[in-house]
Amino acid sequence: MEDPELAAIRAARGAQGGGGTPSGEDQAKQEAQEQMRRDMLATVLDSAARERLARIALVSPDRAQQIEAILLRMVQTGQLRGRVSEEQLIGLLDQIDGAQSKSAPKKGAIVFHHRKGGFDDDDDF
């Protein structure tokens, strides 16, 4: 049996939207938005491009979400005409890589700074 005061407190927290877990209504909205996003991507991407994006999501979920957001923005602004093929998706990935490599240096890149006028092994003492 549940305490009536405890039930009232839980109901009040659910109405405020605060507390631990999201309410059923919020969760339903999120699920509906996720379903709309998946449906829109399914209509925009052909099967090969969808498979490639799914493989990218396995390796790097953040990157896949970034690509999906770009594709959805392109659809909403009318930049995409027709379905996106795998080759077009690869081109988009290359553009993203190029933009990111210009803005930030590569991780793990080793840069050698040679000093001028330093000692060489060829110098005789």
PDB file of N, CA and C in Angstrom:
ATOM      1  N   MET A   1       0.823  -1.176   0.000  1.00  0.00           N
ATOM      2  CA  MET A   1       0.000   0.000   0.000  1.00  0.00           C
ATOM      3  C   MET A   1       0.874   1.249   0.000  1.00  0.00           C
ATOM      4  N   GLU A   2       0.435   2.228  -0.719  1.00  0.00           N
ATOM      5  CA  GLU A   2       1.190   3.468  -0.845  1.00  0.00           C
ATOM      6  C   GLU A   2       0.598   4.535   0.057  1.00  0.00           C
ATOM      7  N   ASP A   3       1.467   5.299   0.650  1.00  0.00           N
ATOM      8  CA  ASP A   3       1.061   6.380   1.536  1.00  0.00           C
ATOM      9  C   ASP A   3       0.434   7.492   0.697  1.00  0.00           C
ATOM     10  N   PRO A   4      -0.733   8.043   1.072  1.00  0.00           N
ATOM     11  CA  PRO A   4      -1.379   9.088   0.277  1.00  0.00           C
ATOM     12  C   PRO A   4      -0.545  10.376   0.206  1.00  0.00           C
ATOM     13  N   GLU A   5       0.197  10.686   1.289  1.00  0.00           N
ATOM     14  CA  GLU A   5       1.046  11.882   1.258  1.00  0.00           C
ATOM     15  C   GLU A   5       2.179  11.719   0.244  1.00  0.00           C
ATOM     16  N   LEU A   6       2.757  10.511   0.212  1.00  0.00           N
ATOM     17  CA  LEU A   6       3.829  10.227  -0.739  1.00  0.00           C
ATOM     18  C   LEU A   6       3.317  10.326  -2.173  1.00  0.00           C
ATOM     19  N   ALA A   7       2.119   9.831  -2.411  1.00  0.00           N
ATOM     20  CA  ALA A   7       1.525   9.921  -3.744  1.00  0.00           C
ATOM     21  C   ALA A   7       1.292  11.369  -4.142  1.00  0.00           C
ATOM     22  N   ALA A   8       0.870  12.195  -3.183  1.00  0.00           N
ATOM     23  CA  ALA A   8       0.635  13.610  -3.467  1.00  0.00           C
ATOM     24  C   ALA A   8       1.943  14.324  -3.791  1.00  0.00           C
ATOM     25  N   ILE A   9       2.997  13.994  -3.058  1.00  0.00           N
ATOM     26  CA  ILE A   9       4.310  14.611  -3.323  1.00  0.00           C
ATOM     27  C   ILE A   9       4.812  14.216  -4.704  1.00  0.00           C
ATOM     28  N   ARG A  10       4.685  12.948  -5.041  1.00  0.00           N
ATOM     29  CA  ARG A  10       5.121  12.486  -6.358  1.00  0.00           C
ATOM     30  C   ARG A  10       4.326  13.161  -7.474  1.00  0.00           C
ATOM     31  N   ALA A  11       3.036  13.324  -7.282  1.00  0.00           N
ATOM     32  CA  ALA A  11       2.200  13.987  -8.282  1.00  0.00           C
ATOM     33  C   ALA A  11       2.597  15.445  -8.439  1.00  0.00           C
ATOM     34  N   ALA A  12       2.922  16.104  -7.321  1.00  0.00           N
ATOM     35  CA  ALA A  12       3.329  17.508  -7.390  1.00  0.00           C
ATOM     36  C   ALA A  12       4.665  17.654  -8.116  1.00  0.00           C
ATOM     37  N   ARG A  13       5.607  16.759  -7.860  1.00  0.00           N
ATOM     38  CA  ARG A  13       6.899  16.805  -8.552  1.00  0.00           C
ATOM     39  C   ARG A  13       6.730  16.548 -10.042  1.00  0.00           C
ATOM     40  N   GLY A  14       5.856  15.617 -10.371  1.00  0.00           N
ATOM     41  CA  GLY A  14       5.613  15.336 -11.784  1.00  0.00           C
ATOM     42  C   GLY A  14       4.999  16.521 -12.496  1.00  0.00           C
ATOM     43  N   ALA A  15       4.136  17.261 -11.805  1.00  0.00           N
ATOM     44  CA  ALA A  15       3.499  18.432 -12.401  1.00  0.00           C
ATOM     45  C   ALA A  15       4.489  19.573 -12.566  1.00  0.00           C
ATOM     46  N   GLN A  16       5.455  19.684 -11.648  1.00  0.00           N
ATOM     47  CA  GLN A  16       6.452  20.742 -11.735  1.00  0.00           C
ATOM     48  C   GLN A  16       7.488  20.457 -12.808  1.00  0.00           C
ATOM     49  N   GLY A  17       7.682  19.199 -13.141  1.00  0.00           N
ATOM     50  CA  GLY A  17       8.690  18.852 -14.126  1.00  0.00           C
ATOM     51  C   GLY A  17      10.064  18.700 -13.508  1.00  0.00           C
ATOM     52  N   GLY A  18      10.185  18.913 -12.221  1.00  0.00           N
ATOM     53  CA  GLY A  18      11.464  18.772 -11.542  1.00  0.00           C
ATOM     54  C   GLY A  18      11.607  17.369 -11.009  1.00  0.00           C
ATOM     55  N   GLY A  19      12.688  17.132 -10.330  1.00  0.00           N
ATOM     56  CA  GLY A  19      12.867  15.829  -9.720  1.00  0.00           C
ATOM     57  C   GLY A  19      13.694  14.930 -10.612  1.00  0.00           C
ATOM     58  N   GLY A  20      13.530  13.651 -10.441  1.00  0.00           N
ATOM     59  CA  GLY A  20      14.394  12.684 -11.086  1.00  0.00           C
ATOM     60  C   GLY A  20      14.001  12.339 -12.509  1.00  0.00           C
ATOM     61  N   THR A  21      12.979  11.567 -12.674  1.00  0.00           N
ATOM     62  CA  THR A  21      12.651  11.044 -13.992  1.00  0.00           C
ATOM     63  C   THR A  21      11.704  11.974 -14.732  1.00  0.00           C
ATOM     64  N   PRO A  22      11.827  12.009 -16.063  1.00  0.00           N
ATOM     65  CA  PRO A  22      10.897  12.839 -16.834  1.00  0.00           C
ATOM     66  C   PRO A  22       9.499  12.224 -16.820  1.00  0.00           C
ATOM     67  N   SER A  23       8.511  13.073 -16.955  1.00  0.00           N
ATOM     68  CA  SER A  23       7.139  12.582 -16.941  1.00  0.00           C
ATOM     69  C   SER A  23       6.845  11.819 -18.228  1.00  0.00           C
ATOM     70  N   GLY A  24       5.770  11.090 -18.217  1.00  0.00           N
ATOM     71  CA  GLY A  24       5.404  10.286 -19.379  1.00  0.00           C
ATOM     72  C   GLY A  24       5.112  11.137 -20.598  1.00  0.00           C
ATOM     73  N   GLU A  25       4.563  12.324 -20.375  1.00  0.00           N
ATOM     74  CA  GLU A  25       4.239  13.220 -21.485  1.00  0.00           C
ATOM     75  C   GLU A  25       5.513  13.740 -22.161  1.00  0.00           C
ATOM     76  N   ASP A  26       6.497  14.133 -21.347  1.00  0.00           N
ATOM     77  CA  ASP A  26       7.765  14.611 -21.907  1.00  0.00           C
ATOM     78  C   ASP A  26       8.463  13.506 -22.676  1.00  0.00           C
ATOM     79  N   GLN A  27       8.444  12.321 -22.117  1.00  0.00           N
ATOM     80  CA  GLN A  27       9.092  11.191 -22.779  1.00  0.00           C
ATOM     81  C   GLN A  27       8.383  10.865 -24.094  1.00  0.00           C
ATOM     82  N   ALA A  28       7.069  10.966 -24.122  1.00  0.00           N
ATOM     83  CA  ALA A  28       6.320  10.708 -25.351  1.00  0.00           C
ATOM     84  C   ALA A  28       6.660  11.746 -26.423  1.00  0.00           C
ATOM     85  N   LYS A  29       6.822  13.014 -26.008  1.00  0.00           N
ATOM     86  CA  LYS A  29       7.206  14.054 -26.961  1.00  0.00           C
ATOM     87  C   LYS A  29       8.580  13.782 -27.544  1.00  0.00           C
ATOM     88  N   GLN A  30       9.521  13.381 -26.690  1.00  0.00           N
ATOM     89  CA  GLN A  30      10.867  13.092 -27.162  1.00  0.00           C
ATOM     90  C   GLN A  30      10.867  11.919 -28.130  1.00  0.00           C
ATOM     91  N   GLU A  31      10.097  10.892 -27.811  1.00  0.00           N
ATOM     92  CA  GLU A  31      10.006   9.735 -28.694  1.00  0.00           C
ATOM     93  C   GLU A  31       9.377  10.113 -30.026  1.00  0.00           C
ATOM     94  N   ALA A  32       8.370  10.970 -30.003  1.00  0.00           N
ATOM     95  CA  ALA A  32       7.719  11.403 -31.236  1.00  0.00           C
ATOM     96  C   ALA A  32       8.690  12.214 -32.094  1.00  0.00           C
ATOM     97  N   GLN A  33       9.479  13.096 -31.461  1.00  0.00           N
ATOM     98  CA  GLN A  33      10.464  13.873 -32.210  1.00  0.00           C
ATOM     99  C   GLN A  33      11.538  12.974 -32.804  1.00  0.00           C
ATOM    100  N   GLU A  34      11.981  11.986 -32.036  1.00  0.00           N
ATOM    101  CA  GLU A  34      12.985  11.041 -32.527  1.00  0.00           C
ATOM    102  C   GLU A  34      12.437  10.246 -33.714  1.00  0.00           C
ATOM    103  N   GLN A  35      11.186   9.837 -33.637  1.00  0.00           N
ATOM    104  CA  GLN A  35      10.571   9.088 -34.741  1.00  0.00           C
ATOM    105  C   GLN A  35      10.450   9.961 -35.993  1.00  0.00           C
ATOM    106  N   MET A  36      10.078  11.238 -35.812  1.00  0.00           N
ATOM    107  CA  MET A  36       9.986  12.149 -36.959  1.00  0.00           C
ATOM    108  C   MET A  36      11.363  12.336 -37.610  1.00  0.00           C
ATOM    109  N   ARG A  37      12.404  12.447 -36.786  1.00  0.00           N
ATOM    110  CA  ARG A  37      13.758  12.621 -37.293  1.00  0.00           C
ATOM    111  C   ARG A  37      14.184  11.388 -38.092  1.00  0.00           C
ATOM    112  N   ARG A  38      13.904  10.203 -37.548  1.00  0.00           N
ATOM    113  CA  ARG A  38      14.258   8.962 -38.257  1.00  0.00           C
ATOM    114  C   ARG A  38      13.494   8.834 -39.570  1.00  0.00           C
ATOM    115  N   ASP A  39      12.206   9.200 -39.554  1.00  0.00           N
ATOM    116  CA  ASP A  39      11.394   9.123 -40.776  1.00  0.00           C
ATOM    117  C   ASP A  39      11.919  10.078 -41.847  1.00  0.00           C
ATOM    118  N   MET A  40      12.285  11.287 -41.427  1.00  0.00           N
ATOM    119  CA  MET A  40      12.784  12.267 -42.385  1.00  0.00           C
ATOM    120  C   MET A  40      14.120  11.811 -42.981  1.00  0.00           C
ATOM    121  N   LEU A  41      14.984  11.263 -42.142  1.00  0.00           N
ATOM    122  CA  LEU A  41      16.260  10.754 -42.655  1.00  0.00           C
ATOM    123  C   LEU A  41      16.038   9.574 -43.600  1.00  0.00           C
ATOM    124  N   ALA A  42      15.051   8.741 -43.296  1.00  0.00           N
ATOM    125  CA  ALA A  42      14.759   7.599 -44.164  1.00  0.00           C
ATOM    126  C   ALA A  42      14.270   8.057 -45.533  1.00  0.00           C
ATOM    127  N   THR A  43      13.537   9.165 -45.585  1.00  0.00           N
ATOM    128  CA  THR A  43      13.058   9.646 -46.875  1.00  0.00           C
ATOM    129  C   THR A  43      14.151  10.384 -47.640  1.00  0.00           C
ATOM    130  N   VAL A  44      15.108  10.973 -46.931  1.00  0.00           N
ATOM    131  CA  VAL A  44      16.159  11.762 -47.582  1.00  0.00           C
ATOM    132  C   VAL A  44      17.302  10.882 -48.084  1.00  0.00           C
ATOM    133  N   LEU A  45      17.683   9.866 -47.305  1.00  0.00           N
ATOM    134  CA  LEU A  45      18.841   9.037 -47.641  1.00  0.00           C
ATOM    135  C   LEU A  45      18.412   7.797 -48.407  1.00  0.00           C
ATOM    136  N   ASP A  46      19.207   7.408 -49.401  1.00  0.00           N
ATOM    137  CA  ASP A  46      18.947   6.126 -50.043  1.00  0.00           C
ATOM    138  C   ASP A  46      19.526   5.019 -49.164  1.00  0.00           C
ATOM    139  N   SER A  47      19.303   3.764 -49.533  1.00  0.00           N
ATOM    140  CA  SER A  47      19.650   2.655 -48.639  1.00  0.00           C
ATOM    141  C   SER A  47      21.150   2.567 -48.368  1.00  0.00           C
ATOM    142  N   ALA A  48      21.984   2.782 -49.375  1.00  0.00           N
ATOM    143  CA  ALA A  48      23.433   2.695 -49.179  1.00  0.00           C
ATOM    144  C   ALA A  48      23.930   3.806 -48.246  1.00  0.00           C
ATOM    145  N   ALA A  49      23.391   5.005 -48.402  1.00  0.00           N
ATOM    146  CA  ALA A  49      23.781   6.121 -47.538  1.00  0.00           C
ATOM    147  C   ALA A  49      23.302   5.884 -46.108  1.00  0.00           C
ATOM    148  N   ARG A  50      22.113   5.304 -45.970  1.00  0.00           N
ATOM    149  CA  ARG A  50      21.599   4.989 -44.633  1.00  0.00           C
ATOM    150  C   ARG A  50      22.480   3.957 -43.935  1.00  0.00           C
ATOM    151  N   GLU A  51      22.930   2.947 -44.696  1.00  0.00           N
ATOM    152  CA  GLU A  51      23.813   1.930 -44.136  1.00  0.00           C
ATOM    153  C   GLU A  51      25.140   2.544 -43.705  1.00  0.00           C
ATOM    154  N   ARG A  52      25.682   3.435 -44.526  1.00  0.00           N
ATOM    155  CA  ARG A  52      26.954   4.081 -44.178  1.00  0.00           C
ATOM    156  C   ARG A  52      26.792   4.923 -42.915  1.00  0.00           C
ATOM    157  N   LEU A  53      25.707   5.654 -42.816  1.00  0.00           N
ATOM    158  CA  LEU A  53      25.465   6.475 -41.633  1.00  0.00           C
ATOM    159  C   LEU A  53      25.289   5.596 -40.392  1.00  0.00           C
ATOM    160  N   ALA A  54      24.668   4.440 -40.543  1.00  0.00           N
ATOM    161  CA  ALA A  54      24.516   3.511 -39.419  1.00  0.00           C
ATOM    162  C   ALA A  54      25.878   2.976 -38.978  1.00  0.00           C
ATOM    163  N   ARG A  55      26.766   2.699 -39.937  1.00  0.00           N
ATOM    164  CA  ARG A  55      28.115   2.238 -39.579  1.00  0.00           C
ATOM    165  C   ARG A  55      28.907   3.339 -38.885  1.00  0.00           C
ATOM    166  N   ILE A  56      28.722   4.575 -39.338  1.00  0.00           N
ATOM    167  CA  ILE A  56      29.385   5.706 -38.673  1.00  0.00           C
ATOM    168  C   ILE A  56      28.871   5.839 -37.250  1.00  0.00           C
ATOM    169  N   ALA A  57      27.573   5.633 -37.060  1.00  0.00           N
ATOM    170  CA  ALA A  57      26.981   5.738 -35.722  1.00  0.00           C
ATOM    171  C   ALA A  57      27.531   4.672 -34.782  1.00  0.00           C
ATOM    172  N   LEU A  58      27.874   3.506 -35.315  1.00  0.00           N
ATOM    173  CA  LEU A  58      28.463   2.470 -34.477  1.00  0.00           C
ATOM    174  C   LEU A  58      29.835   2.883 -33.964  1.00  0.00           C
ATOM    175  N   VAL A  59      30.610   3.526 -34.832  1.00  0.00           N
ATOM    176  CA  VAL A  59      31.975   3.907 -34.478  1.00  0.00           C
ATOM    177  C   VAL A  59      31.988   5.206 -33.678  1.00  0.00           C
ATOM    178  N   SER A  60      31.231   6.190 -34.139  1.00  0.00           N
ATOM    179  CA  SER A  60      31.253   7.512 -33.514  1.00  0.00           C
ATOM    180  C   SER A  60      29.835   8.083 -33.471  1.00  0.00           C
ATOM    181  N   PRO A  61      29.106   7.825 -32.392  1.00  0.00           N
ATOM    182  CA  PRO A  61      27.722   8.307 -32.306  1.00  0.00           C
ATOM    183  C   PRO A  61      27.609   9.832 -32.376  1.00  0.00           C
ATOM    184  N   ASP A  62      28.560  10.547 -31.785  1.00  0.00           N
ATOM    185  CA  ASP A  62      28.509  12.016 -31.824  1.00  0.00           C
ATOM    186  C   ASP A  62      28.628  12.522 -33.256  1.00  0.00           C
ATOM    187  N   ARG A  63      29.522  11.924 -34.003  1.00  0.00           N
ATOM    188  CA  ARG A  63      29.727  12.327 -35.400  1.00  0.00           C
ATOM    189  C   ARG A  63      28.481  12.046 -36.232  1.00  0.00           C
ATOM    190  N   ALA A  64      27.856  10.893 -35.996  1.00  0.00           N
ATOM    191  CA  ALA A  64      26.642  10.548 -36.735  1.00  0.00           C
ATOM    192  C   ALA A  64      25.528  11.542 -36.432  1.00  0.00           C
ATOM    193  N   GLN A  65      25.391  11.944 -35.168  1.00  0.00           N
ATOM    194  CA  GLN A  65      24.368  12.928 -34.821  1.00  0.00           C
ATOM    195  C   GLN A  65      24.663  14.269 -35.477  1.00  0.00           C
ATOM    196  N   GLN A  66      25.935  14.626 -35.568  1.00  0.00           N
ATOM    197  CA  GLN A  66      26.312  15.878 -36.230  1.00  0.00           C
ATOM    198  C   GLN A  66      25.926  15.826 -37.712  1.00  0.00           C
ATOM    199  N   ILE A  67      26.194  14.715 -38.361  1.00  0.00           N
ATOM    200  CA  ILE A  67      25.869  14.558 -39.782  1.00  0.00           C
ATOM    201  C   ILE A  67      24.355  14.586 -39.976  1.00  0.00           C
ATOM    202  N   GLU A  68      23.628  13.900 -39.103  1.00  0.00           N
ATOM    203  CA  GLU A  68      22.171  13.900 -39.195  1.00  0.00           C
ATOM    204  C   GLU A  68      21.618  15.308 -39.030  1.00  0.00           C
ATOM    205  N   ALA A  69      22.160  16.065 -38.088  1.00  0.00           N
ATOM    206  CA  ALA A  69      21.688  17.438 -37.874  1.00  0.00           C
ATOM    207  C   ALA A  69      21.946  18.289 -39.112  1.00  0.00           C
ATOM    208  N   ILE A  70      23.100  18.107 -39.740  1.00  0.00           N
ATOM    209  CA  ILE A  70      23.414  18.870 -40.959  1.00  0.00           C
ATOM    210  C   ILE A  70      22.454  18.496 -42.076  1.00  0.00           C
ATOM    211  N   LEU A  71      22.211  17.198 -42.242  1.00  0.00           N
ATOM    212  CA  LEU A  71      21.290  16.751 -43.293  1.00  0.00           C
ATOM    213  C   LEU A  71      19.881  17.292 -43.057  1.00  0.00           C
ATOM    214  N   LEU A  72      19.409  17.244 -41.821  1.00  0.00           N
ATOM    215  CA  LEU A  72      18.062  17.741 -41.530  1.00  0.00           C
ATOM    216  C   LEU A  72      17.969  19.247 -41.751  1.00  0.00           C
ATOM    217  N   ARG A  73      19.028  19.969 -41.400  1.00  0.00           N
ATOM    218  CA  ARG A  73      19.043  21.420 -41.635  1.00  0.00           C
ATOM    219  C   ARG A  73      19.015  21.711 -43.138  1.00  0.00           C
ATOM    220  N   MET A  74      19.747  20.911 -43.909  1.00  0.00           N
ATOM    221  CA  MET A  74      19.759  21.107 -45.360  1.00  0.00           C
ATOM    222  C   MET A  74      18.384  20.830 -45.956  1.00  0.00           C
ATOM    223  N   VAL A  75      17.679  19.835 -45.431  1.00  0.00           N
ATOM    224  CA  VAL A  75      16.331  19.524 -45.913  1.00  0.00           C
ATOM    225  C   VAL A  75      15.379  20.673 -45.575  1.00  0.00           C
ATOM    226  N   GLN A  76      15.470  21.185 -44.353  1.00  0.00           N
ATOM    227  CA  GLN A  76      14.561  22.239 -43.920  1.00  0.00           C
ATOM    228  C   GLN A  76      14.784  23.533 -44.687  1.00  0.00           C
ATOM    229  N   THR A  77      16.032  23.811 -45.086  1.00  0.00           N
ATOM    230  CA  THR A  77      16.311  25.046 -45.817  1.00  0.00           C
ATOM    231  C   THR A  77      16.143  24.870 -47.324  1.00  0.00           C
ATOM    232  N   GLY A  78      15.864  23.650 -47.774  1.00  0.00           N
ATOM    233  CA  GLY A  78      15.640  23.415 -49.191  1.00  0.00           C
ATOM    234  C   GLY A  78      16.908  23.251 -50.009  1.00  0.00           C
ATOM    235  N   GLN A  79      18.022  22.964 -49.364  1.00  0.00           N
ATOM    236  CA  GLN A  79      19.276  22.794 -50.090  1.00  0.00           C
ATOM    237  C   GLN A  79      19.390  21.432 -50.747  1.00  0.00           C
ATOM    238  N   LEU A  80      18.626  20.474 -50.277  1.00  0.00           N
ATOM    239  CA  LEU A  80      18.682  19.127 -50.858  1.00  0.00           C
ATOM    240  C   LEU A  80      17.534  18.943 -51.835  1.00  0.00           C
ATOM    241  N   ARG A  81      17.869  18.454 -52.978  1.00  0.00           N
ATOM    242  CA  ARG A  81      16.872  18.113 -53.994  1.00  0.00           C
ATOM    243  C   ARG A  81      16.956  16.609 -54.229  1.00  0.00           C
ATOM    244  N   GLY A  82      15.912  15.901 -53.889  1.00  0.00           N
ATOM    245  CA  GLY A  82      15.910  14.458 -54.086  1.00  0.00           C
ATOM    246  C   GLY A  82      16.632  13.734 -52.958  1.00  0.00           C
ATOM    247  N   ARG A  83      16.939  12.465 -53.229  1.00  0.00           N
ATOM    248  CA  ARG A  83      17.565  11.621 -52.223  1.00  0.00           C
ATOM    249  C   ARG A  83      19.080  11.781 -52.247  1.00  0.00           C
ATOM    250  N   VAL A  84      19.689  11.595 -51.088  1.00  0.00           N
ATOM    251  CA  VAL A  84      21.140  11.691 -50.955  1.00  0.00           C
ATOM    252  C   VAL A  84      21.730  10.307 -51.166  1.00  0.00           C
ATOM    253  N   SER A  85      22.651  10.200 -52.119  1.00  0.00           N
ATOM    254  CA  SER A  85      23.298   8.921 -52.384  1.00  0.00           C
ATOM    255  C   SER A  85      24.501   8.753 -51.468  1.00  0.00           C
ATOM    256  N   GLU A  86      25.088   7.571 -51.516  1.00  0.00           N
ATOM    257  CA  GLU A  86      26.255   7.308 -50.677  1.00  0.00           C
ATOM    258  C   GLU A  86      27.429   8.202 -51.081  1.00  0.00           C
ATOM    259  N   GLU A  87      27.582   8.447 -52.384  1.00  0.00           N
ATOM    260  CA  GLU A  87      28.668   9.313 -52.854  1.00  0.00           C
ATOM    261  C   GLU A  87      28.491  10.743 -52.352  1.00  0.00           C
ATOM    262  N   GLN A  88      27.245  11.227 -52.359  1.00  0.00           N
ATOM    263  CA  GLN A  88      26.991  12.573 -51.848  1.00  0.00           C
ATOM    264  C   GLN A  88      27.246  12.647 -50.343  1.00  0.00           C
ATOM    265  N   LEU A  89      26.915  11.582 -49.624  1.00  0.00           N
ATOM    266  CA  LEU A  89      27.182  11.537 -48.188  1.00  0.00           C
ATOM    267  C   LEU A  89      28.689  11.542 -47.931  1.00  0.00           C
ATOM    268  N   ILE A  90      29.446  10.820 -48.731  1.00  0.00           N
ATOM    269  CA  ILE A  90      30.902  10.816 -48.602  1.00  0.00           C
ATOM    270  C   ILE A  90      31.449  12.213 -48.872  1.00  0.00           C
ATOM    271  N   GLY A  91      30.907  12.886 -49.875  1.00  0.00           N
ATOM    272  CA  GLY A  91      31.324  14.259 -50.159  1.00  0.00           C
ATOM    273  C   GLY A  91      31.031  15.194 -48.991  1.00  0.00           C
ATOM    274  N   LEU A  92      29.874  15.016 -48.360  1.00  0.00           N
ATOM    275  CA  LEU A  92      29.528  15.819 -47.192  1.00  0.00           C
ATOM    276  C   LEU A  92      30.491  15.540 -46.043  1.00  0.00           C
ATOM    277  N   LEU A  93      30.847  14.275 -45.853  1.00  0.00           N
ATOM    278  CA  LEU A  93      31.814  13.913 -44.819  1.00  0.00           C
ATOM    279  C   LEU A  93      33.172  14.564 -45.084  1.00  0.00           C
ATOM    280  N   ASP A  94      33.596  14.562 -46.349  1.00  0.00           N
ATOM    281  CA  ASP A  94      34.863  15.206 -46.704  1.00  0.00           C
ATOM    282  C   ASP A  94      34.823  16.705 -46.424  1.00  0.00           C
ATOM    283  N   GLN A  95      33.694  17.345 -46.733  1.00  0.00           N
ATOM    284  CA  GLN A  95      33.559  18.775 -46.458  1.00  0.00           C
ATOM    285  C   GLN A  95      33.629  19.057 -44.960  1.00  0.00           C
ATOM    286  N   ILE A  96      32.996  18.221 -44.172  1.00  0.00           N
ATOM    287  CA  ILE A  96      33.023  18.395 -42.724  1.00  0.00           C
ATOM    288  C   ILE A  96      34.443  18.206 -42.205  1.00  0.00           C
ATOM    289  N   ASP A  97      35.138  17.184 -42.708  1.00  0.00           N
ATOM    290  CA  ASP A  97      36.521  16.954 -42.291  1.00  0.00           C
ATOM    291  C   ASP A  97      37.403  18.138 -42.649  1.00  0.00           C
ATOM    292  N   GLY A  98      37.218  18.680 -43.851  1.00  0.00           N
ATOM    293  CA  GLY A  98      38.007  19.829 -44.277  1.00  0.00           C
ATOM    294  C   GLY A  98      37.751  21.044 -43.410  1.00  0.00           C
ATOM    295  N   ALA A  99      36.506  21.278 -43.060  1.00  0.00           N
ATOM    296  CA  ALA A  99      36.172  22.428 -42.219  1.00  0.00           C
ATOM    297  C   ALA A  99      36.726  22.255 -40.811  1.00  0.00           C
ATOM    298  N   GLN A 100      36.682  21.045 -40.283  1.00  0.00           N
ATOM    299  CA  GLN A 100      37.176  20.814 -38.938  1.00  0.00           C
ATOM    300  C   GLN A 100      38.703  20.850 -38.896  1.00  0.00           C
ATOM    301  N   SER A 101      39.357  20.390 -39.947  1.00  0.00           N
ATOM    302  CA  SER A 101      40.817  20.388 -39.935  1.00  0.00           C
ATOM    303  C   SER A 101      41.367  21.807 -40.055  1.00  0.00           C
ATOM    304  N   LYS A 102      40.632  22.703 -40.702  1.00  0.00           N
ATOM    305  CA  LYS A 102      41.072  24.089 -40.800  1.00  0.00           C
ATOM    306  C   LYS A 102      40.891  24.816 -39.467  1.00  0.00           C
ATOM    307  N   SER A 103      39.821  24.488 -38.757  1.00  0.00           N
ATOM    308  CA  SER A 103      39.525  25.215 -37.529  1.00  0.00           C
ATOM    309  C   SER A 103      40.355  24.732 -36.344  1.00  0.00           C
ATOM    310  N   ALA A 104      40.720  23.469 -36.311  1.00  0.00           N
ATOM    311  CA  ALA A 104      41.481  22.941 -35.183  1.00  0.00           C
ATOM    312  C   ALA A 104      42.567  21.999 -35.690  1.00  0.00           C
ATOM    313  N   PRO A 105      43.714  22.000 -35.056  1.00  0.00           N
ATOM    314  CA  PRO A 105      44.757  21.074 -35.481  1.00  0.00           C
ATOM    315  C   PRO A 105      44.360  19.632 -35.190  1.00  0.00           C
ATOM    316  N   LYS A 106      44.945  18.722 -35.945  1.00  0.00           N
ATOM    317  CA  LYS A 106      44.638  17.318 -35.758  1.00  0.00           C
ATOM    318  C   LYS A 106      45.120  16.842 -34.401  1.00  0.00           C
ATOM    319  N   LYS A 107      44.364  15.956 -33.818  1.00  0.00           N
ATOM    320  CA  LYS A 107      44.791  15.368 -32.560  1.00  0.00           C
ATOM    321  C   LYS A 107      45.891  14.362 -32.859  1.00  0.00           C
ATOM    322  N   GLY A 108      46.890  14.370 -32.040  1.00  0.00           N
ATOM    323  CA  GLY A 108      47.952  13.394 -32.196  1.00  0.00           C
ATOM    324  C   GLY A 108      48.963  13.739 -33.262  1.00  0.00           C
ATOM    325  N   ALA A 109      48.830  14.891 -33.881  1.00  0.00           N
ATOM    326  CA  ALA A 109      49.791  15.273 -34.906  1.00  0.00           C
ATOM    327  C   ALA A 109      51.104  15.663 -34.233  1.00  0.00           C
ATOM    328  N   ILE A 110      52.184  15.188 -34.755  1.00  0.00           N
ATOM    329  CA  ILE A 110      53.501  15.485 -34.215  1.00  0.00           C
ATOM    330  C   ILE A 110      54.117  16.585 -35.055  1.00  0.00           C
ATOM    331  N   VAL A 111      54.531  17.635 -34.395  1.00  0.00           N
ATOM    332  CA  VAL A 111      55.110  18.779 -35.082  1.00  0.00           C
ATOM    333  C   VAL A 111      56.562  18.901 -34.624  1.00  0.00           C
ATOM    334  N   PHE A 112      57.481  18.968 -35.579  1.00  0.00           N
ATOM    335  CA  PHE A 112      58.895  19.114 -35.273  1.00  0.00           C
ATOM    336  C   PHE A 112      59.296  20.567 -35.454  1.00  0.00           C
ATOM    337  N   HIS A 113      59.922  21.123 -34.461  1.00  0.00           N
ATOM    338  CA  HIS A 113      60.442  22.475 -34.537  1.00  0.00           C
ATOM    339  C   HIS A 113      61.970  22.367 -34.529  1.00  0.00           C
ATOM    340  N   HIS A 114      62.578  22.706 -35.667  1.00  0.00           N
ATOM    341  CA  HIS A 114      64.029  22.633 -35.774  1.00  0.00           C
ATOM    342  C   HIS A 114      64.632  23.957 -35.349  1.00  0.00           C
ATOM    343  N   ARG A 115      65.665  23.870 -34.556  1.00  0.00           N
ATOM    344  CA  ARG A 115      66.342  25.078 -34.112  1.00  0.00           C
ATOM    345  C   ARG A 115      67.451  25.434 -35.076  1.00  0.00           C
ATOM    346  N   LYS A 116      67.517  26.677 -35.407  1.00  0.00           N
ATOM    347  CA  LYS A 116      68.572  27.134 -36.303  1.00  0.00           C
ATOM    348  C   LYS A 116      69.799  27.480 -35.468  1.00  0.00           C
ATOM    349  N   GLY A 117      70.950  27.142 -35.979  1.00  0.00           N
ATOM    350  CA  GLY A 117      72.179  27.483 -35.294  1.00  0.00           C
ATOM    351  C   GLY A 117      72.480  26.558 -34.136  1.00  0.00           C
ATOM    352  N   GLY A 118      71.817  25.450 -34.063  1.00  0.00           N
ATOM    353  CA  GLY A 118      72.072  24.507 -32.989  1.00  0.00           C
ATOM    354  C   GLY A 118      73.253  23.620 -33.322  1.00  0.00           C
ATOM    355  N   PHE A 119      73.548  22.712 -32.490  1.00  0.00           N
ATOM    356  CA  PHE A 119      74.676  21.805 -32.715  1.00  0.00           C
ATOM    357  C   PHE A 119      74.241  20.670 -33.620  1.00  0.00           C
ATOM    358  N   ASP A 120      75.126  20.260 -34.485  1.00  0.00           N
ATOM    359  CA  ASP A 120      74.903  19.110 -35.371  1.00  0.00           C
ATOM    360  C   ASP A 120      75.859  18.015 -34.983  1.00  0.00           C
ATOM    361  N   ASP A 121      75.571  16.834 -35.443  1.00  0.00           N
ATOM    362  CA  ASP A 121      76.493  15.718 -35.242  1.00  0.00           C
ATOM    363  C   ASP A 121      77.738  15.908 -36.115  1.00  0.00           C
ATOM    364  N   ASP A 122      77.611  16.669 -37.173  1.00  0.00           N
ATOM    365  CA  ASP A 122      78.728  16.879 -38.091  1.00  0.00           C
ATOM    366  C   ASP A 122      79.751  17.866 -37.546  1.00  0.00           C
ATOM    367  N   ASP A 123      79.369  18.624 -36.534  1.00  0.00           N
ATOM    368  CA  ASP A 123      80.303  19.613 -35.971  1.00  0.00           C
ATOM    369  C   ASP A 123      81.459  18.911 -35.289  1.00  0.00           C
ATOM    370  N   ASP A 124      82.663  19.379 -35.547  1.00  0.00           N
ATOM    371  CA  ASP A 124      83.857  18.845 -34.878  1.00  0.00           C
ATOM    372  C   ASP A 124      84.216  19.768 -33.745  1.00  0.00           C
ATOM    373  N   PHE A 125      84.555  19.181 -32.644  1.00  0.00           N
ATOM    374  CA  PHE A 125      84.936  19.985 -31.503  1.00  0.00           C
ATOM    375  C   PHE A 125      86.414  19.999 -31.311  1.00  0.00           C
TER     376      PHE A 125
END
